[in-house]
C-alpha atoms as a PDB file:
ATOM      1  CA  MET A   1      91.725 142.513 137.352  1.00  0.00           C
ATOM      2  CA  GLU A   2      93.865 144.819 135.649  1.00  0.00           C
ATOM      3  CA  GLU A   3      91.663 147.831 134.532  1.00  0.00           C
ATOM      4  CA  HIS A   4      91.942 147.246 130.793  1.00  0.00           C
ATOM      5  CA  GLU A   5      90.489 143.875 131.475  1.00  0.00           C
ATOM      6  CA  TYR A   6      86.981 145.152 132.106  1.00  0.00           C
ATOM      7  CA  GLN A   7      87.032 147.139 128.823  1.00  0.00           C
ATOM      8  CA  ALA A   8      88.506 143.945 126.870  1.00  0.00           C
ATOM      9  CA  MET A   9      85.553 141.859 128.733  1.00  0.00           C
ATOM     10  CA  TYR A  10      82.923 144.455 127.766  1.00  0.00           C
ATOM     11  CA  ASP A  11      84.038 144.521 124.206  1.00  0.00           C
ATOM     12  CA  VAL A  12      83.792 140.783 123.327  1.00  0.00           C
ATOM     13  CA  GLU A  13      81.337 139.564 125.722  1.00  0.00           C
ATOM     14  CA  SER A  14      78.550 139.508 123.564  1.00  0.00           C
ATOM     15  CA  SER A  15      80.100 137.881 120.745  1.00  0.00           C
ATOM     16  CA  HIS A  16      82.966 135.637 121.911  1.00  0.00           C
ATOM     17  CA  TRP A  17      82.556 132.133 121.828  1.00  0.00           C
ATOM     18  CA  TRP A  18      83.579 131.465 125.461  1.00  0.00           C
ATOM     19  CA  PHE A  19      81.062 134.012 127.056  1.00  0.00           C
ATOM     20  CA  VAL A  20      78.389 132.719 124.655  1.00  0.00           C
ATOM     21  CA  SER A  21      79.045 129.166 125.623  1.00  0.00           C
ATOM     22  CA  ARG A  22      79.184 129.883 129.310  1.00  0.00           C
ATOM     23  CA  ARG A  23      75.611 131.703 129.114  1.00  0.00           C
ATOM     24  CA  LEU A  24      74.412 128.614 127.004  1.00  0.00           C
ATOM     25  CA  PHE A  25      75.638 126.151 129.833  1.00  0.00           C
ATOM     26  CA  VAL A  26      74.411 128.132 132.833  1.00  0.00           C
ATOM     27  CA  ASN A  27      70.912 128.623 131.061  1.00  0.00           C
ATOM     28  CA  VAL A  28      70.818 124.762 130.514  1.00  0.00           C
ATOM     29  CA  PHE A  29      71.202 124.094 134.267  1.00  0.00           C
ATOM     30  CA  LEU A  30      68.932 126.834 135.436  1.00  0.00           C
ATOM     31  CA  SER A  31      66.110 126.117 133.222  1.00  0.00           C
ATOM     32  CA  ALA A  32      65.928 122.735 134.186  1.00  0.00           C
ATOM     33  CA  VAL A  33      65.227 123.903 137.772  1.00  0.00           C
ATOM     34  CA  TRP A  34      63.985 127.328 137.780  1.00  0.00           C
ATOM     35  CA  ARG A  35      61.364 126.908 134.960  1.00  0.00           C
ATOM     36  CA  ARG A  36      59.255 125.119 137.492  1.00  0.00           C
ATOM     37  CA  GLN A  37      59.700 127.323 140.322  1.00  0.00           C
ATOM     38  CA  PRO A  38      61.833 130.564 139.344  1.00  0.00           C
ATOM     39  CA  PRO A  39      63.307 132.747 142.093  1.00  0.00           C
ATOM     40  CA  ARG A  40      61.831 136.097 142.876  1.00  0.00           C
ATOM     41  CA  VAL A  41      65.283 137.785 143.539  1.00  0.00           C
ATOM     42  CA  ILE A  42      68.575 136.906 142.080  1.00  0.00           C
ATOM     43  CA  ALA A  43      72.018 138.292 143.419  1.00  0.00           C
ATOM     44  CA  ASP A  44      74.762 138.328 140.846  1.00  0.00           C
ATOM     45  CA  ILE A  45      77.861 138.682 142.973  1.00  0.00           C
ATOM     46  CA  GLY A  46      80.978 140.128 141.171  1.00  0.00           C
ATOM     47  CA  ALA A  47      78.950 140.873 138.214  1.00  0.00           C
ATOM     48  CA  GLY A  48      81.814 142.623 136.220  1.00  0.00           C
ATOM     49  CA  THR A  49      80.349 144.361 133.252  1.00  0.00           C
ATOM     50  CA  GLY A  50      76.953 142.846 133.531  1.00  0.00           C
ATOM     51  CA  GLY A  51      77.005 140.162 131.035  1.00  0.00           C
ATOM     52  CA  MET A  52      74.968 137.608 132.698  1.00  0.00           C
ATOM     53  CA  ALA A  53      72.311 139.900 133.474  1.00  0.00           C
ATOM     54  CA  HIS A  54      70.200 139.035 130.375  1.00  0.00           C
ATOM     55  CA  VAL A  55      70.224 135.340 131.308  1.00  0.00           C
ATOM     56  CA  LEU A  56      69.388 135.791 134.932  1.00  0.00           C
ATOM     57  CA  SER A  57      66.675 138.452 134.150  1.00  0.00           C
ATOM     58  CA  GLN A  58      64.525 135.544 132.407  1.00  0.00           C
ATOM     59  CA  TYR A  59      63.787 134.165 135.821  1.00  0.00           C
ATOM     60  CA  GLY A  60      63.802 136.823 138.327  1.00  0.00           C
ATOM     61  CA  LYS A  61      64.676 140.120 139.545  1.00  0.00           C
ATOM     62  CA  VAL A  62      68.365 140.734 139.127  1.00  0.00           C
ATOM     63  CA  ILE A  63      70.529 142.605 141.956  1.00  0.00           C
ATOM     64  CA  GLY A  64      74.035 142.950 140.596  1.00  0.00           C
ATOM     65  CA  ILE A  65      76.927 143.711 143.182  1.00  0.00           C
ATOM     66  CA  GLU A  66      80.352 144.746 141.833  1.00  0.00           C
ATOM     67  CA  PRO A  67      83.161 146.393 143.544  1.00  0.00           C
ATOM     68  CA  HIS A  68      84.921 148.039 140.673  1.00  0.00           C
ATOM     69  CA  LYS A  69      83.818 151.363 139.477  1.00  0.00           C
ATOM     70  CA  THR A  70      85.223 150.763 136.037  1.00  0.00           C
ATOM     71  CA  ALA A  71      83.145 147.704 135.482  1.00  0.00           C
ATOM     72  CA  ARG A  72      80.111 149.303 136.944  1.00  0.00           C
ATOM     73  CA  LYS A  73      80.336 152.238 134.386  1.00  0.00           C
ATOM     74  CA  LEU A  74      80.831 149.796 131.494  1.00  0.00           C
ATOM     75  CA  ALA A  75      77.591 147.672 132.870  1.00  0.00           C
ATOM     76  CA  GLU A  76      75.602 150.997 132.572  1.00  0.00           C
ATOM     77  CA  LYS A  77      76.410 151.157 128.956  1.00  0.00           C
ATOM     78  CA  ARG A  78      74.520 147.965 128.426  1.00  0.00           C
ATOM     79  CA  GLY A  79      71.553 149.114 130.758  1.00  0.00           C
ATOM     80  CA  VAL A  80      72.715 147.139 133.771  1.00  0.00           C
ATOM     81  CA  ILE A  81      72.962 149.007 136.980  1.00  0.00           C
ATOM     82  CA  LEU A  82      75.130 147.482 139.593  1.00  0.00           C
ATOM     83  CA  ARG A  83      75.462 147.894 143.289  1.00  0.00           C
ATOM     84  CA  ASN A  84      78.932 148.872 144.916  1.00  0.00           C
ATOM     85  CA  GLY A  85      79.779 145.765 147.168  1.00  0.00           C
ATOM     86  CA  THR A  86      82.178 142.629 147.585  1.00  0.00           C
ATOM     87  CA  ALA A  87      81.592 138.982 147.660  1.00  0.00           C
ATOM     88  CA  GLU A  88      82.329 139.074 151.333  1.00  0.00           C
ATOM     89  CA  ARG A  89      80.333 142.154 152.024  1.00  0.00           C
ATOM     90  CA  THR A  90      77.353 142.276 149.596  1.00  0.00           C
ATOM     91  CA  GLY A  91      75.478 145.004 151.503  1.00  0.00           C
ATOM     92  CA  LEU A  92      72.463 142.661 151.122  1.00  0.00           C
ATOM     93  CA  THR A  93      70.133 142.127 154.279  1.00  0.00           C
ATOM     94  CA  ALA A  94      69.827 138.550 155.655  1.00  0.00           C
ATOM     95  CA  ARG A  95      67.459 136.070 154.030  1.00  0.00           C
ATOM     96  CA  SER A  96      66.600 138.737 151.290  1.00  0.00           C
ATOM     97  CA  VAL A  97      67.492 136.657 148.059  1.00  0.00           C
ATOM     98  CA  ASP A  98      66.281 133.489 146.549  1.00  0.00           C
ATOM     99  CA  ALA A  99      69.526 132.804 144.626  1.00  0.00           C
ATOM    100  CA  VAL A 100      73.205 133.864 144.848  1.00  0.00           C
ATOM    101  CA  CYS A 101      75.556 133.641 141.711  1.00  0.00           C
ATOM    102  CA  PHE A 102      79.336 133.632 141.438  1.00  0.00           C
ATOM    103  CA  PHE A 103      80.336 133.420 138.017  1.00  0.00           C
ATOM    104  CA  ASP A 104      84.171 133.017 137.724  1.00  0.00           C
ATOM    105  CA  VAL A 105      84.374 135.175 140.975  1.00  0.00           C
ATOM    106  CA  LEU A 106      85.713 132.937 143.847  1.00  0.00           C
ATOM    107  CA  TYR A 107      89.257 132.228 142.395  1.00  0.00           C
ATOM    108  CA  HIS A 108      90.271 135.708 142.157  1.00  0.00           C
ATOM    109  CA  GLN A 109      92.858 137.403 144.349  1.00  0.00           C
ATOM    110  CA  GLY A 110      91.716 139.399 147.104  1.00  0.00           C
ATOM    111  CA  ILE A 111      88.545 137.052 147.646  1.00  0.00           C
ATOM    112  CA  HIS A 112      88.247 134.874 150.515  1.00  0.00           C
ATOM    113  CA  ASP A 113      86.142 132.035 149.011  1.00  0.00           C
ATOM    114  CA  ARG A 114      85.110 130.630 152.354  1.00  0.00           C
ATOM    115  CA  SER A 115      83.899 133.954 153.608  1.00  0.00           C
ATOM    116  CA  ALA A 116      81.972 134.651 150.336  1.00  0.00           C
ATOM    117  CA  LEU A 117      80.231 131.389 150.564  1.00  0.00           C
ATOM    118  CA  CYS A 118      79.268 132.113 154.054  1.00  0.00           C
ATOM    119  CA  GLU A 119      77.973 135.416 152.915  1.00  0.00           C
ATOM    120  CA  ALA A 120      75.868 133.668 150.171  1.00  0.00           C
ATOM    121  CA  TYR A 121      74.258 131.696 152.838  1.00  0.00           C
ATOM    122  CA  ARG A 122      73.512 134.705 155.011  1.00  0.00           C
ATOM    123  CA  VAL A 123      71.609 136.539 152.316  1.00  0.00           C
ATOM    124  CA  LEU A 124      69.821 133.496 150.947  1.00  0.00           C
ATOM    125  CA  ARG A 125      66.293 132.636 152.027  1.00  0.00           C
ATOM    126  CA  PRO A 126      65.793 128.994 153.285  1.00  0.00           C
ATOM    127  CA  GLY A 127      65.657 126.917 150.243  1.00  0.00           C
ATOM    128  CA  GLY A 128      67.813 129.443 148.198  1.00  0.00           C
ATOM    129  CA  TRP A 129      70.014 128.549 145.415  1.00  0.00           C
ATOM    130  CA  LEU A 130      73.718 128.876 145.032  1.00  0.00           C
ATOM    131  CA  VAL A 131      75.207 129.014 141.542  1.00  0.00           C
ATOM    132  CA  ILE A 132      79.138 128.819 140.844  1.00  0.00           C
ATOM    133  CA  THR A 133      81.109 128.754 137.722  1.00  0.00           C
ATOM    134  CA  ASP A 134      84.887 128.934 138.086  1.00  0.00           C
ATOM    135  CA  CYS A 135      88.122 128.202 136.439  1.00  0.00           C
ATOM    136  CA  ALA A 136      89.294 124.528 136.682  1.00  0.00           C
ATOM    137  CA  PHE A 137      92.556 122.327 137.198  1.00  0.00           C
ATOM    138  CA  PRO A 138      95.492 124.433 138.558  1.00  0.00           C
ATOM    139  CA  TRP A 139      97.962 123.152 136.130  1.00  0.00           C
ATOM    140  CA  LEU A 140      96.138 125.080 133.338  1.00  0.00           C
ATOM    141  CA  ALA A 141      97.122 128.335 135.039  1.00  0.00           C
ATOM    142  CA  GLY A 142      98.876 130.791 132.710  1.00  0.00           C
ATOM    143  CA  PRO A 143      99.270 134.091 131.447  1.00  0.00           C
ATOM    144  CA  HIS A 144      95.500 134.835 131.395  1.00  0.00           C
ATOM    145  CA  ASP A 145      94.904 133.910 135.016  1.00  0.00           C
ATOM    146  CA  ARG A 146      97.770 136.495 135.982  1.00  0.00           C
ATOM    147  CA  ALA A 147      96.175 139.184 134.031  1.00  0.00           C
ATOM    148  CA  VAL A 148      92.853 138.860 135.659  1.00  0.00           C
ATOM    149  CA  PHE A 149      94.474 138.194 139.110  1.00  0.00           C
ATOM    150  CA  GLY A 150      93.672 134.732 139.523  1.00  0.00           C
ATOM    151  CA  ARG A 151      94.430 133.249 142.825  1.00  0.00           C
ATOM    152  CA  GLU A 152      93.729 129.533 142.155  1.00  0.00           C
ATOM    153  CA  ARG A 153      92.098 127.342 139.748  1.00  0.00           C
ATOM    154  CA  TYR A 154      90.022 124.558 141.424  1.00  0.00           C
ATOM    155  CA  MET A 155      89.697 121.019 141.374  1.00  0.00           C
ATOM    156  CA  LEU A 156      85.945 120.173 141.696  1.00  0.00           C
ATOM    157  CA  PRO A 157      86.166 118.113 144.907  1.00  0.00           C
ATOM    158  CA  ALA A 158      87.924 120.822 146.532  1.00  0.00           C
ATOM    159  CA  LEU A 159      85.427 123.582 145.872  1.00  0.00           C
ATOM    160  CA  LEU A 160      82.439 121.105 146.654  1.00  0.00           C
ATOM    161  CA  ARG A 161      84.014 120.629 150.260  1.00  0.00           C
ATOM    162  CA  LYS A 162      84.009 124.423 150.794  1.00  0.00           C
ATOM    163  CA  VAL A 163      80.577 124.760 149.573  1.00  0.00           C
ATOM    164  CA  ARG A 164      79.387 121.952 151.864  1.00  0.00           C
ATOM    165  CA  ALA A 165      81.195 123.364 154.706  1.00  0.00           C
ATOM    166  CA  ALA A 166      79.147 126.788 154.335  1.00  0.00           C
ATOM    167  CA  GLY A 167      76.121 124.668 154.811  1.00  0.00           C
ATOM    168  CA  PHE A 168      74.848 124.141 151.411  1.00  0.00           C
ATOM    169  CA  SER A 169      73.522 120.797 149.861  1.00  0.00           C
ATOM    170  CA  ILE A 170      74.985 120.134 146.310  1.00  0.00           C
ATOM    171  CA  HIS A 171      72.181 119.683 143.575  1.00  0.00           C
ATOM    172  CA  THR A 172      74.334 119.613 140.355  1.00  0.00           C
ATOM    173  CA  LYS A 173      78.228 119.278 140.039  1.00  0.00           C
ATOM    174  CA  THR A 174      80.359 118.966 136.675  1.00  0.00           C
ATOM    175  CA  TYR A 175      83.132 120.243 134.748  1.00  0.00           C
ATOM    176  CA  MET A 176      82.261 122.298 131.545  1.00  0.00           C
ATOM    177  CA  PHE A 177      84.263 122.897 128.296  1.00  0.00           C
ATOM    178  CA  PHE A 178      84.834 119.187 128.297  1.00  0.00           C
ATOM    179  CA  LEU A 179      85.065 118.782 124.552  1.00  0.00           C
ATOM    180  CA  LEU A 180      87.573 121.619 124.218  1.00  0.00           C
ATOM    181  CA  PHE A 181      89.705 120.563 127.137  1.00  0.00           C
ATOM    182  CA  PRO A 182      92.375 118.596 124.984  1.00  0.00           C
ATOM    183  CA  TRP A 183      92.948 121.419 122.902  1.00  0.00           C
ATOM    184  CA  VAL A 184      93.385 123.992 125.759  1.00  0.00           C
ATOM    185  CA  ALA A 185      95.489 121.669 127.579  1.00  0.00           C
ATOM    186  CA  VAL A 186      97.773 121.155 124.566  1.00  0.00           C
ATOM    187  CA  LYS A 187      98.001 124.969 123.919  1.00  0.00           C
ATOM    188  CA  ARG A 188      98.787 125.826 127.607  1.00  0.00           C
ATOM    189  CA  LEU A 189     101.764 123.216 127.524  1.00  0.00           C
ATOM    190  CA  ILE A 190     103.009 124.543 124.183  1.00  0.00           C
ATOM    191  CA  ASP A 191     102.889 128.104 125.370  1.00  0.00           C
ATOM    192  CA  ARG A 192     105.076 127.141 128.359  1.00  0.00           C
ATOM    193  CA  VAL A 193     107.694 125.261 126.240  1.00  0.00           C
ATOM    194  CA  LEU A 194     107.973 127.653 123.354  1.00  0.00           C
ATOM    195  CA  PRO A 195     109.620 130.975 123.800  1.00  0.00           C
ATOM    196  CA  GLY A 196     107.608 133.904 123.132  1.00  0.00           C
ATOM    197  CA  ARG A 197     104.218 132.204 123.077  1.00  0.00           C
ATOM    198  CA  GLU A 198     103.113 133.376 126.367  1.00  0.00           C
ATOM    199  CA  ARG A 199     100.954 136.596 126.207  1.00  0.00           C
ATOM    200  CA  GLY A 200      98.288 138.187 128.451  1.00  0.00           C
ATOM    201  CA  SER A 201      94.756 137.838 128.806  1.00  0.00           C
ATOM    202  CA  ASP A 202      92.704 135.337 126.528  1.00  0.00           C
ATOM    203  CA  VAL A 203      90.028 138.001 126.485  1.00  0.00           C
ATOM    204  CA  VAL A 204      90.636 139.169 122.912  1.00  0.00           C
ATOM    205  CA  PRO A 205      88.498 139.300 119.734  1.00  0.00           C
ATOM    206  CA  ALA A 206      88.016 135.900 117.799  1.00  0.00           C
ATOM    207  CA  SER A 207      87.430 135.383 114.370  1.00  0.00           C
ATOM    208  CA  ALA A 208      83.923 134.835 113.063  1.00  0.00           C
ATOM    209  CA  ALA A 209      85.046 131.161 111.896  1.00  0.00           C
ATOM    210  CA  VAL A 210      86.569 130.513 115.363  1.00  0.00           C
ATOM    211  CA  ASN A 211      83.556 131.858 117.314  1.00  0.00           C
ATOM    212  CA  ARG A 212      81.112 129.726 115.039  1.00  0.00           C
ATOM    213  CA  ALA A 213      83.456 126.638 115.617  1.00  0.00           C
ATOM    214  CA  GLY A 214      83.547 127.213 119.495  1.00  0.00           C
ATOM    215  CA  VAL A 215      79.805 127.815 119.920  1.00  0.00           C
ATOM    216  CA  PHE A 216      78.944 124.788 117.673  1.00  0.00           C
ATOM    217  CA  ILE A 217      81.285 122.446 119.864  1.00  0.00           C
ATOM    218  CA  ASN A 218      79.862 123.590 123.143  1.00  0.00           C
ATOM    219  CA  ARG A 219      76.291 123.416 121.858  1.00  0.00           C
ATOM    220  CA  LEU A 220      77.112 119.638 121.315  1.00  0.00           C
ATOM    221  CA  GLU A 221      78.376 119.197 124.833  1.00  0.00           C
ATOM    222  CA  ALA A 222      75.324 121.264 126.362  1.00  0.00           C
ATOM    223  CA  LEU A 223      72.976 118.411 124.998  1.00  0.00           C
ATOM    224  CA  GLY A 224      74.779 115.993 127.479  1.00  0.00           C
ATOM    225  CA  LEU A 225      74.714 118.600 130.487  1.00  0.00           C
ATOM    226  CA  PRO A 226      71.316 117.536 131.845  1.00  0.00           C
ATOM    227  CA  PHE A 227      72.284 113.862 132.034  1.00  0.00           C
ATOM    228  CA  VAL A 228      76.035 113.766 132.300  1.00  0.00           C
ATOM    229  CA  SER A 229      78.562 115.011 134.930  1.00  0.00           C
ATOM    230  CA  TYR A 230      81.655 115.631 132.828  1.00  0.00           C
ATOM    231  CA  PRO A 231      84.998 114.098 134.405  1.00  0.00           C
ATOM    232  CA  TRP A 232      87.073 117.138 133.152  1.00  0.00           C
ATOM    233  CA  GLY A 233      86.964 120.633 131.670  1.00  0.00           C
ATOM    234  CA  THR A 234      88.615 124.097 131.493  1.00  0.00           C
ATOM    235  CA  SER A 235      85.734 125.432 133.929  1.00  0.00           C
ATOM    236  CA  LEU A 236      83.417 123.829 136.758  1.00  0.00           C
ATOM    237  CA  PHE A 237      79.687 124.325 137.606  1.00  0.00           C
ATOM    238  CA  ILE A 238      78.064 123.706 140.888  1.00  0.00           C
ATOM    239  CA  LEU A 239      74.274 124.215 141.865  1.00  0.00           C
ATOM    240  CA  ALA A 240      73.853 123.919 145.479  1.00  0.00           C
ATOM    241  CA  ARG A 241      70.979 124.923 147.986  1.00  0.00           C
ATOM    242  CA  LYS A 242      70.540 126.363 151.372  1.00  0.00           C
ATOM    243  CA  LYS A 243      68.548 123.843 153.364  1.00  0.00           C
ATOM    244  CA  GLY A 244      65.109 124.967 154.151  1.00  0.00           C
ATOM    245  CA  GLY A 245      64.057 126.172 157.526  1.00  0.00           C
ATOM    246  CA  VAL A 246      67.555 127.128 158.432  1.00  0.00           C
END
């Protein structure tokens, strides 16, 4: 990402409706599985400024990996210490962690998603978990994706094929931000048609009213996540597992 994007993310990550909602969605999925048998060690790969550390630390020890020095320094401000490493070369030893998380990481330029998934498989213990969130639907790409150096937005079936090819079995798959998808889709189309509408990153402060509305709508959506695989959304979620005894 552009350097200033890390500061922008750090500034709004605790309060912006999108980040709050993503933490909510992830916690809904993980609590359903990990409350019964929590992982001992969790690797947060491409941890950014450490915004997911609090959610993950409820379940086990978190090892954050992040290649960008600016992001690591910002994470330190919130008390999160990250190691230097990449998605393809984490620096972790084989079979040393119980879960690997990629939160909106694989779609970035400079990351080879297949190699990152193979690295995740290598460092996971048998039976370990793979957690992925990422950006969905290629036609939703816009100025924000360019600002954060997005390579491609995924269709869920395409990313599932890559996850399976790396040796994982799928436990949960769905799109997220389903209820807000029509609004985002219309906004993206308007931004393309009307001159001067396109701007940079979407990581900007939102008003209190917008934040409340966004979180409220996504809390409603979260009620269905344990029971429904949503057919569309601006993001996707995959929970997969390394086969035991491998």
